[in-house]
Protein backbone atom coordinates (compact mmCIF):
# COMPACT_ATOMS: atom_id res chain seq x y z
CA MET A 1 0.02 0.13 -0.06
CA ARG A 2 2.76 2.47 0.86
CA ILE A 3 4.91 1.55 -2.25
CA GLY A 4 1.23 3.15 -4.34
CA TYR A 5 1.69 6.18 -2.42
CA ALA A 6 5.39 6.41 -2.90
CA THR A 7 4.96 6.10 -6.75
CA GLY A 8 2.51 8.74 -6.73
CA SER A 9 4.31 11.02 -4.94
CA LEU A 10 7.39 10.35 -7.07
CA VAL A 11 5.69 11.07 -9.97
CA THR A 12 4.61 14.69 -8.95
CA GLY A 13 7.93 15.14 -7.71
CA ALA A 14 9.73 14.68 -10.69
CA PHE A 15 7.52 16.72 -12.79
CA GLY A 16 8.21 19.58 -10.62
CA THR A 17 11.85 18.70 -10.67
CA VAL A 18 13.14 17.54 -13.85
CA PRO A 19 12.20 20.88 -16.16
CA GLY A 20 14.77 22.62 -13.76
CA LEU A 21 17.67 20.10 -14.13
CA LEU A 22 17.09 20.45 -17.85
CA LEU A 23 17.22 24.21 -17.95
CA HIS A 24 20.14 24.17 -15.69
CA TYR A 25 21.78 21.12 -18.18
CA LEU A 26 20.56 22.83 -21.15
CA THR A 27 22.16 26.19 -20.16
CA ASP A 28 25.35 24.86 -18.64
CA ALA A 29 26.60 21.64 -19.70
CA LEU A 30 25.35 22.60 -23.74
CA GLY A 31 25.89 26.00 -24.00
CA VAL A 32 22.18 27.16 -24.87
CA ALA A 33 20.78 30.35 -24.61
CA ALA A 34 18.48 30.74 -21.87
CA GLY A 35 15.73 32.14 -23.71
CA LEU A 36 15.82 29.07 -25.95
CA ALA A 37 15.98 26.44 -23.29
CA GLY A 38 13.21 28.23 -21.44
CA LEU A 39 11.11 27.61 -24.83
CA LEU A 40 12.49 24.31 -25.17
CA VAL A 41 11.09 23.41 -21.87
CA LEU A 42 7.92 25.35 -22.10
CA LEU A 43 6.41 24.09 -25.22
CA PRO A 44 5.86 20.54 -24.08
CA THR A 45 3.77 22.12 -21.05
CA ALA A 46 1.93 24.77 -23.31
CA TRP A 47 1.26 21.38 -25.88
CA ASP A 48 -0.44 19.61 -22.86
CA VAL A 49 -2.33 22.56 -21.79
CA LEU A 50 -3.84 23.17 -25.27
CA VAL A 51 -4.06 19.08 -26.28
CA ASP A 52 -5.53 17.86 -23.30
CA PRO A 53 -8.82 19.25 -22.75
CA ILE A 54 -9.69 18.20 -26.33
CA ALA A 55 -8.76 14.90 -25.58
CA GLY A 56 -10.42 14.60 -22.96
CA ARG A 57 -13.79 15.62 -24.41
CA LEU A 58 -13.26 13.26 -27.31
CA SER A 59 -12.81 10.58 -24.91
CA ASP A 60 -15.73 11.35 -22.36
CA ARG A 61 -17.74 11.62 -25.43
CA THR A 62 -16.99 8.25 -27.01
CA ARG A 63 -19.60 5.98 -27.30
CA THR A 64 -18.68 2.33 -27.82
CA ARG A 65 -19.64 -1.18 -26.92
CA LEU A 66 -16.54 -1.91 -25.33
């Protein structure tokens, strides 16, 4: 039971931590400009904000026998 709770917390923590680590890696290790690195981290999140409600609406309104 505790493993299930820990797994959810691990994913939530990673979701908040990974973008910051990625920004640090892109700017310091790879030498990418800060603005471009921020844009690269922002784009997938912005895509989710736009597409997830549409996908949710489609899945909620789909009627199948399965």
